[in-house]
N, C-alpha and C. Protein backbone atom coordinates (compact mmCIF):
# COMPACT_ATOMS: atom_id res chain seq x y z
N MET A 1 125.56 67.78 61.51
CA MET A 1 125.45 69.04 60.80
C MET A 1 124.06 69.63 61.05
N LYS A 2 124.02 70.90 61.34
CA LYS A 2 122.77 71.58 61.64
C LYS A 2 122.06 71.95 60.34
N ARG A 3 120.75 71.63 60.26
CA ARG A 3 119.97 71.99 59.08
C ARG A 3 119.56 73.44 59.16
N LYS A 4 119.67 74.14 58.08
CA LYS A 4 119.25 75.53 58.04
C LYS A 4 117.95 75.63 57.26
N ILE A 5 117.09 76.52 57.70
CA ILE A 5 115.85 76.78 56.99
C ILE A 5 116.14 77.87 55.97
N ALA A 6 115.70 77.63 54.74
CA ALA A 6 115.95 78.59 53.67
C ALA A 6 115.34 79.95 54.03
N PRO A 7 116.03 81.04 53.66
CA PRO A 7 115.51 82.37 53.98
C PRO A 7 114.09 82.54 53.44
N GLY A 8 113.24 83.12 54.25
CA GLY A 8 111.87 83.36 53.83
C GLY A 8 110.96 82.16 53.99
N LYS A 9 111.51 80.99 54.20
CA LYS A 9 110.70 79.78 54.40
C LYS A 9 110.26 79.71 55.84
N ARG A 10 108.99 79.42 56.05
CA ARG A 10 108.48 79.26 57.41
C ARG A 10 108.09 77.81 57.61
N VAL A 11 108.48 77.29 58.74
CA VAL A 11 108.07 75.96 59.14
C VAL A 11 107.12 76.16 60.31
N HIS A 12 106.01 75.44 60.28
CA HIS A 12 104.98 75.63 61.29
C HIS A 12 104.94 74.43 62.23
N PHE A 13 104.95 74.69 63.52
CA PHE A 13 104.83 73.64 64.54
C PHE A 13 103.70 74.01 65.49
N ASP A 14 103.01 73.01 65.97
CA ASP A 14 101.95 73.24 66.95
C ASP A 14 102.41 72.82 68.33
N GLN A 15 102.10 73.67 69.30
CA GLN A 15 102.35 73.37 70.70
C GLN A 15 101.03 73.54 71.45
N SER A 16 101.00 73.00 72.65
CA SER A 16 99.85 73.25 73.52
C SER A 16 100.38 73.44 74.93
N GLY A 17 99.62 74.19 75.70
CA GLY A 17 100.02 74.45 77.08
C GLY A 17 98.79 74.64 77.95
N VAL A 18 99.04 74.60 79.25
CA VAL A 18 97.95 74.83 80.20
C VAL A 18 98.31 76.01 81.10
N ILE A 19 97.27 76.69 81.53
CA ILE A 19 97.43 77.65 82.61
C ILE A 19 96.87 76.94 83.84
N PRO A 20 97.77 76.44 84.69
CA PRO A 20 97.31 75.75 85.89
C PRO A 20 96.78 76.77 86.89
N TYR A 21 95.62 76.48 87.47
CA TYR A 21 95.06 77.43 88.43
C TYR A 21 94.45 76.70 89.62
N ARG A 22 94.26 77.46 90.68
CA ARG A 22 93.58 76.98 91.87
C ARG A 22 92.87 78.17 92.51
N LYS A 23 91.93 77.86 93.39
CA LYS A 23 91.27 78.90 94.18
C LYS A 23 91.86 78.84 95.58
N LYS A 24 92.28 79.99 96.09
CA LYS A 24 92.81 80.08 97.45
C LYS A 24 92.22 81.32 98.09
N ASN A 25 91.54 81.12 99.21
CA ASN A 25 90.87 82.23 99.90
C ASN A 25 89.95 83.00 98.96
N GLY A 26 89.26 82.27 98.07
CA GLY A 26 88.31 82.89 97.16
C GLY A 26 88.91 83.57 95.95
N LYS A 27 90.23 83.54 95.82
CA LYS A 27 90.90 84.20 94.70
C LYS A 27 91.59 83.16 93.81
N THR A 28 91.61 83.43 92.52
CA THR A 28 92.25 82.54 91.56
C THR A 28 93.75 82.79 91.55
N GLU A 29 94.52 81.71 91.65
CA GLU A 29 95.98 81.78 91.53
C GLU A 29 96.42 80.94 90.34
N VAL A 30 97.53 81.36 89.73
CA VAL A 30 98.08 80.71 88.55
C VAL A 30 99.48 80.21 88.88
N LEU A 31 99.79 78.99 88.45
CA LEU A 31 101.12 78.42 88.67
C LEU A 31 101.98 78.65 87.43
N LEU A 32 103.11 79.32 87.61
CA LEU A 32 104.09 79.51 86.53
C LEU A 32 105.32 78.68 86.83
N VAL A 33 106.06 78.35 85.77
CA VAL A 33 107.34 77.66 85.90
C VAL A 33 108.39 78.47 85.16
N THR A 34 109.66 78.22 85.48
CA THR A 34 110.71 78.92 84.75
C THR A 34 111.13 78.10 83.53
N SER A 35 111.55 78.81 82.49
CA SER A 35 112.12 78.13 81.33
C SER A 35 113.48 77.57 81.73
N ILE A 36 113.94 76.56 81.03
CA ILE A 36 115.19 75.90 81.42
C ILE A 36 116.40 76.80 81.18
N ARG A 37 116.51 77.39 80.00
CA ARG A 37 117.72 78.16 79.67
C ARG A 37 117.71 79.58 80.22
N ARG A 38 116.65 80.31 79.93
CA ARG A 38 116.65 81.74 80.26
C ARG A 38 116.07 82.04 81.63
N LYS A 39 115.45 81.04 82.27
CA LYS A 39 114.87 81.20 83.61
C LYS A 39 113.77 82.27 83.65
N LYS A 40 113.04 82.40 82.55
CA LYS A 40 111.91 83.32 82.48
C LYS A 40 110.64 82.59 82.90
N TRP A 41 109.69 83.32 83.45
CA TRP A 41 108.43 82.71 83.90
C TRP A 41 107.54 82.43 82.70
N ILE A 42 107.10 81.17 82.61
CA ILE A 42 106.27 80.70 81.50
C ILE A 42 105.19 79.76 82.05
N ILE A 43 104.34 79.26 81.16
CA ILE A 43 103.38 78.23 81.53
C ILE A 43 103.92 76.89 81.04
N PRO A 44 103.47 75.78 81.61
CA PRO A 44 103.87 74.47 81.08
C PRO A 44 103.32 74.30 79.66
N LYS A 45 104.19 73.97 78.72
CA LYS A 45 103.77 73.79 77.33
C LYS A 45 104.80 72.94 76.60
N GLY A 46 104.42 72.46 75.44
CA GLY A 46 105.33 71.67 74.63
C GLY A 46 104.68 71.30 73.32
N PHE A 47 105.43 70.60 72.47
CA PHE A 47 104.90 70.17 71.19
C PHE A 47 103.81 69.14 71.39
N ILE A 48 102.79 69.21 70.56
CA ILE A 48 101.68 68.27 70.65
C ILE A 48 102.15 66.91 70.14
N GLU A 49 102.02 65.91 70.99
CA GLU A 49 102.45 64.57 70.62
C GLU A 49 101.43 63.96 69.67
N TYR A 50 101.93 63.22 68.69
CA TYR A 50 101.09 62.73 67.59
C TYR A 50 99.95 61.82 68.06
N ASN A 51 100.12 61.13 69.16
CA ASN A 51 99.11 60.19 69.62
C ASN A 51 98.22 60.77 70.73
N MET A 52 98.28 62.08 70.93
CA MET A 52 97.51 62.72 72.00
C MET A 52 96.76 63.93 71.46
N SER A 53 95.66 64.26 72.14
CA SER A 53 94.98 65.51 71.82
C SER A 53 95.84 66.67 72.34
N PRO A 54 95.61 67.89 71.85
CA PRO A 54 96.40 69.01 72.37
C PRO A 54 96.31 69.14 73.89
N PHE A 55 95.10 68.95 74.47
CA PHE A 55 94.97 69.07 75.92
C PHE A 55 95.69 67.94 76.64
N GLN A 56 95.58 66.71 76.15
CA GLN A 56 96.28 65.58 76.79
C GLN A 56 97.79 65.82 76.78
N SER A 57 98.29 66.32 75.67
CA SER A 57 99.72 66.60 75.57
C SER A 57 100.13 67.71 76.55
N ALA A 58 99.29 68.73 76.68
CA ALA A 58 99.58 69.83 77.60
C ALA A 58 99.55 69.34 79.05
N ARG A 59 98.61 68.46 79.38
CA ARG A 59 98.54 67.89 80.74
C ARG A 59 99.81 67.11 81.06
N LYS A 60 100.31 66.38 80.07
CA LYS A 60 101.56 65.62 80.25
C LYS A 60 102.72 66.58 80.54
N GLU A 61 102.80 67.66 79.79
CA GLU A 61 103.85 68.67 80.00
C GLU A 61 103.73 69.30 81.39
N ALA A 62 102.49 69.52 81.85
CA ALA A 62 102.28 70.11 83.17
C ALA A 62 102.85 69.22 84.26
N PHE A 63 102.71 67.91 84.11
CA PHE A 63 103.30 67.01 85.10
C PHE A 63 104.82 67.03 85.00
N GLU A 64 105.36 66.93 83.79
CA GLU A 64 106.81 66.88 83.62
C GLU A 64 107.49 68.17 84.08
N GLU A 65 106.91 69.32 83.73
CA GLU A 65 107.55 70.61 84.00
C GLU A 65 107.21 71.20 85.37
N ALA A 66 105.99 70.94 85.87
CA ALA A 66 105.55 71.58 87.11
C ALA A 66 105.18 70.60 88.21
N GLY A 67 105.12 69.31 87.90
CA GLY A 67 104.79 68.33 88.92
C GLY A 67 103.36 68.43 89.41
N ILE A 68 102.44 68.67 88.48
CA ILE A 68 101.03 68.81 88.86
C ILE A 68 100.16 67.92 87.99
N ARG A 69 99.02 67.56 88.56
CA ARG A 69 97.96 66.88 87.82
C ARG A 69 96.73 67.78 87.92
N GLY A 70 95.86 67.65 86.93
CA GLY A 70 94.69 68.50 86.95
C GLY A 70 93.45 67.84 86.43
N SER A 71 92.38 68.57 86.52
CA SER A 71 91.07 68.12 86.09
C SER A 71 91.04 67.88 84.59
N ASN A 72 90.20 66.94 84.17
CA ASN A 72 89.98 66.70 82.73
C ASN A 72 89.06 67.75 82.12
N SER A 73 88.34 68.46 82.96
CA SER A 73 87.43 69.50 82.49
C SER A 73 88.27 70.73 82.14
N THR A 74 88.13 71.23 80.93
CA THR A 74 88.97 72.34 80.50
C THR A 74 88.22 73.26 79.55
N LYS A 75 88.78 74.43 79.35
CA LYS A 75 88.30 75.37 78.34
C LYS A 75 89.51 75.81 77.55
N ILE A 76 89.33 75.92 76.24
CA ILE A 76 90.41 76.52 75.46
C ILE A 76 90.30 78.02 75.68
N LEU A 77 91.41 78.61 76.11
CA LEU A 77 91.41 80.03 76.47
C LEU A 77 91.89 80.92 75.33
N GLY A 78 92.57 80.33 74.36
CA GLY A 78 93.10 81.11 73.26
C GLY A 78 94.36 80.49 72.72
N SER A 79 95.05 81.23 71.88
CA SER A 79 96.31 80.76 71.31
C SER A 79 97.16 81.98 70.96
N TYR A 80 98.43 81.71 70.76
CA TYR A 80 99.33 82.77 70.31
C TYR A 80 100.41 82.15 69.43
N THR A 81 101.02 82.97 68.61
CA THR A 81 102.06 82.51 67.69
C THR A 81 103.34 83.30 67.96
N VAL A 82 104.45 82.58 68.01
CA VAL A 82 105.76 83.22 68.12
C VAL A 82 106.66 82.67 67.03
N ARG A 83 107.64 83.47 66.64
CA ARG A 83 108.65 83.01 65.68
C ARG A 83 109.91 82.69 66.45
N LYS A 84 110.48 81.52 66.17
CA LYS A 84 111.67 81.09 66.88
C LYS A 84 112.54 80.29 65.91
N ASN A 85 113.77 80.72 65.74
CA ASN A 85 114.71 80.03 64.86
C ASN A 85 114.16 79.79 63.46
N GLY A 86 113.46 80.78 62.91
CA GLY A 86 112.93 80.67 61.56
C GLY A 86 111.65 79.86 61.46
N SER A 87 111.14 79.40 62.58
CA SER A 87 109.91 78.61 62.59
C SER A 87 108.80 79.40 63.25
N GLU A 88 107.58 79.05 62.92
CA GLU A 88 106.42 79.66 63.53
C GLU A 88 105.80 78.64 64.48
N LEU A 89 105.64 79.03 65.73
CA LEU A 89 105.08 78.13 66.74
C LEU A 89 103.71 78.64 67.17
N LEU A 90 102.67 77.85 66.87
CA LEU A 90 101.32 78.16 67.32
C LEU A 90 101.10 77.39 68.60
N THR A 91 100.77 78.09 69.68
CA THR A 91 100.54 77.45 70.97
C THR A 91 99.09 77.64 71.39
N LYS A 92 98.39 76.52 71.56
CA LYS A 92 97.00 76.53 72.02
C LYS A 92 97.01 76.43 73.54
N ILE A 93 96.23 77.29 74.19
CA ILE A 93 96.26 77.37 75.66
C ILE A 93 94.93 76.91 76.25
N TYR A 94 95.04 76.03 77.25
CA TYR A 94 93.88 75.47 77.93
C TYR A 94 93.95 75.81 79.42
N SER A 95 92.79 75.83 80.05
CA SER A 95 92.75 75.98 81.51
C SER A 95 92.93 74.59 82.12
N MET A 96 93.50 74.54 83.33
CA MET A 96 93.60 73.27 84.04
C MET A 96 93.55 73.53 85.53
N LYS A 97 92.46 73.10 86.16
CA LYS A 97 92.34 73.22 87.61
C LYS A 97 93.25 72.17 88.25
N VAL A 98 94.18 72.62 89.08
CA VAL A 98 95.14 71.72 89.71
C VAL A 98 94.45 70.92 90.81
N THR A 99 94.62 69.59 90.73
CA THR A 99 94.01 68.70 91.73
C THR A 99 95.06 68.02 92.60
N ARG A 100 96.31 68.01 92.14
CA ARG A 100 97.37 67.36 92.91
C ARG A 100 98.72 67.98 92.58
N ILE A 101 99.53 68.18 93.62
CA ILE A 101 100.88 68.74 93.47
C ILE A 101 101.87 67.70 94.00
N PHE A 102 102.85 67.36 93.20
CA PHE A 102 103.85 66.36 93.56
C PHE A 102 105.14 67.03 94.03
N LYS A 103 105.82 66.40 94.98
CA LYS A 103 107.12 66.90 95.43
C LYS A 103 108.20 66.53 94.42
N ASP A 104 108.09 65.34 93.86
CA ASP A 104 109.07 64.87 92.87
C ASP A 104 108.41 64.78 91.50
N TYR A 105 109.11 65.25 90.49
CA TYR A 105 108.62 65.20 89.11
C TYR A 105 109.82 65.30 88.18
N PRO A 106 109.66 64.93 86.90
CA PRO A 106 110.81 64.80 85.99
C PRO A 106 111.73 66.02 85.88
N GLU A 107 111.20 67.24 85.84
CA GLU A 107 112.05 68.42 85.63
C GLU A 107 112.24 69.26 86.89
N LYS A 108 112.10 68.61 88.04
CA LYS A 108 112.20 69.30 89.33
C LYS A 108 113.52 70.07 89.48
N ASN A 109 114.62 69.49 89.04
CA ASN A 109 115.93 70.12 89.20
C ASN A 109 116.27 71.12 88.09
N LEU A 110 115.37 71.25 87.10
CA LEU A 110 115.63 72.15 85.97
C LEU A 110 114.82 73.44 86.02
N ARG A 111 113.74 73.43 86.79
CA ARG A 111 112.81 74.57 86.80
C ARG A 111 112.38 74.91 88.23
N LYS A 112 111.92 76.14 88.38
CA LYS A 112 111.25 76.55 89.61
C LYS A 112 109.77 76.66 89.29
N ARG A 113 108.94 76.55 90.30
CA ARG A 113 107.50 76.75 90.13
C ARG A 113 107.02 77.67 91.25
N LYS A 114 106.02 78.50 90.91
CA LYS A 114 105.53 79.45 91.91
C LYS A 114 104.10 79.87 91.57
N TRP A 115 103.27 79.98 92.63
CA TRP A 115 101.90 80.45 92.49
C TRP A 115 101.89 81.97 92.51
N TYR A 116 101.08 82.56 91.60
CA TYR A 116 100.91 84.01 91.52
C TYR A 116 99.43 84.35 91.42
N SER A 117 99.08 85.55 91.84
CA SER A 117 97.74 86.04 91.54
C SER A 117 97.64 86.16 90.01
N VAL A 118 96.43 86.21 89.51
CA VAL A 118 96.23 86.36 88.05
C VAL A 118 96.95 87.63 87.57
N TYR A 119 96.78 88.72 88.30
CA TYR A 119 97.39 89.99 87.92
C TYR A 119 98.92 89.87 87.86
N ASP A 120 99.52 89.30 88.90
CA ASP A 120 100.99 89.18 88.94
C ASP A 120 101.51 88.20 87.89
N ALA A 121 100.78 87.10 87.67
CA ALA A 121 101.21 86.13 86.65
C ALA A 121 101.23 86.78 85.27
N ALA A 122 100.21 87.57 84.97
CA ALA A 122 100.15 88.26 83.68
C ALA A 122 101.32 89.23 83.52
N LYS A 123 101.76 89.85 84.62
CA LYS A 123 102.90 90.77 84.55
C LYS A 123 104.22 90.03 84.40
N LYS A 124 104.31 88.79 84.90
CA LYS A 124 105.57 88.04 84.89
C LYS A 124 105.93 87.47 83.52
N VAL A 125 104.92 87.09 82.72
CA VAL A 125 105.22 86.48 81.42
C VAL A 125 105.59 87.56 80.40
N GLU A 126 106.45 87.21 79.46
CA GLU A 126 106.94 88.19 78.49
C GLU A 126 106.07 88.32 77.25
N ILE A 127 105.29 87.30 76.93
CA ILE A 127 104.49 87.31 75.70
C ILE A 127 103.16 88.00 76.00
N ASP A 128 102.91 89.13 75.32
CA ASP A 128 101.71 89.93 75.58
C ASP A 128 100.42 89.14 75.40
N GLU A 129 100.36 88.31 74.34
CA GLU A 129 99.15 87.52 74.09
C GLU A 129 98.90 86.53 75.23
N LEU A 130 99.97 85.96 75.78
CA LEU A 130 99.83 85.04 76.90
C LEU A 130 99.33 85.78 78.14
N ALA A 131 99.83 86.98 78.37
CA ALA A 131 99.35 87.79 79.50
C ALA A 131 97.85 88.06 79.37
N MET A 132 97.39 88.35 78.16
CA MET A 132 95.96 88.58 77.94
C MET A 132 95.16 87.30 78.22
N ILE A 133 95.69 86.16 77.84
CA ILE A 133 95.00 84.88 78.06
C ILE A 133 94.94 84.57 79.56
N ILE A 134 95.99 84.88 80.29
CA ILE A 134 95.99 84.68 81.75
C ILE A 134 94.92 85.57 82.39
N ARG A 135 94.83 86.82 81.95
CA ARG A 135 93.79 87.71 82.48
C ARG A 135 92.40 87.18 82.15
N ARG A 136 92.25 86.61 80.95
CA ARG A 136 90.96 86.02 80.55
C ARG A 136 90.58 84.88 81.51
N LEU A 137 91.57 84.04 81.86
CA LEU A 137 91.31 82.95 82.83
C LEU A 137 90.79 83.53 84.14
N GLY A 138 91.37 84.63 84.59
CA GLY A 138 90.94 85.25 85.82
C GLY A 138 89.51 85.74 85.78
N ARG A 139 89.04 86.14 84.62
CA ARG A 139 87.64 86.58 84.49
C ARG A 139 86.68 85.39 84.47
N ILE A 140 87.14 84.26 83.93
CA ILE A 140 86.29 83.06 83.81
C ILE A 140 86.18 82.33 85.14
N TYR A 141 87.31 82.20 85.83
CA TYR A 141 87.33 81.42 87.07
C TYR A 141 87.42 82.37 88.25
């Protein structure tokens, strides 16, 4: 039986994600992945695991969803909140310089991954706050 959230009640969950980036020909590129159901371009993200820091959890999601590993050096770039199924999801976003790309990874058959310029990546994502955070990464790196 599916649990329903009482009308007007908000449940809060924390997520974390990374904006994977690299430098190519002197320009910053961002790696996006597709969501599983809607096939929309997003960043690797997920719920923060209880035994991990937000960044450690986001790095784990980056490997599972995009097949990448990255630097431990990071900056928190911002956060955004969305409402989904009566819940409020706060997502903290970190930068992650990609150091290794794998051919095989857990969600390889569920998602696509693609490198974009900062400008194009910001245009591809649907969440305005995330687009602003991607542009901020482009100014920093």
